[in-house]
Amino acid sequence: MEKIISYPITALYYFCFGLTLCIFHPIQWLCLNLFGYQAHKKSVDYLNFFLVCCTHILGTTYTIKNRELIPKGAPVILVSNHQSMYDIPPIIWFLRRIHPKFISKKELGKGIPSVSYNLKHGGSVLIDRKDPRQSLPEIKKMAKYIEKHNRSVVIFPEGTRSKTGTPKKFSETGLKILYNNAPSAYILPVTINNSWKLVKWGVFPMGLGNRLTYTIHQPLKVSDYSFEEILEKTEKVVVSEIKM
């Protein structure tokens, strides 16, 4: 019954979602080209506020736990499990104070209103996952960017989304480059629950009435641990809070 009901509700959701992307694309352009980074960043914040609001049409609600643990005045490497593309707008909106940037596949850098523009011009980096010679220097550049500006980068070490919520083994390559090139940063482990349920039937129709939970864990200062310790502690705490 839920699936049948979801068809018209999903159609309404996608209409609102697409309209939001189209409206904010020129707003982003104007903000960046007329007023600079801070204005563009504000437009991206509110783009993602409205994208989060669109998911309320599906009955989606959000809980963000332990925001008081987020370090202040320091670069942050946010390390999380990855369940769907719907992981991302709540991170940008609810954690907007730390200016989250993303390491994204290059395919997302074109053809998607608002999203592609932000990825290309908002401080994130686009990588070719099949070409380490291109991707590794870009990740290093990102590390130096957050180190210089006290901003944050989001990395999903599983590498790809988990379609059932079951965690995948963390890959160390990207995280290790960030660790080595942002020595004053904090690792911020985050566990995401239930976003996979939005796409449990694929992109159409969508799941209804899900509560997405983002649990922020105790930050780990990069300079206090070896990379091996950081990786082990981060993966252990992120995975420990995933609810199946």
Foldseek 3Di string as FASTA:
>chain_A
DQQVVLFVLQVQLVVQLQVLLVVLLVVLVCQPVPPRQVSNLVSLLVSLVSNVVSCVSQQEAEDEPDPVQDDPPAEEEEEEAAADPVVPSCCCHVVVVQPEAEEEAQVQLDDGRPRNVCCVPNLHHHDHPVDCVGRLVRLLVSLQVCLVVVHYYYDYQQPDHDLVLQGHDGDCRSVVSSLVRNQAYKYKAKAKEDPSQQQNVHSPRGHGNYYIYIYIDRIHRSNVDDSVVVSVVRVVVRNVPYDD
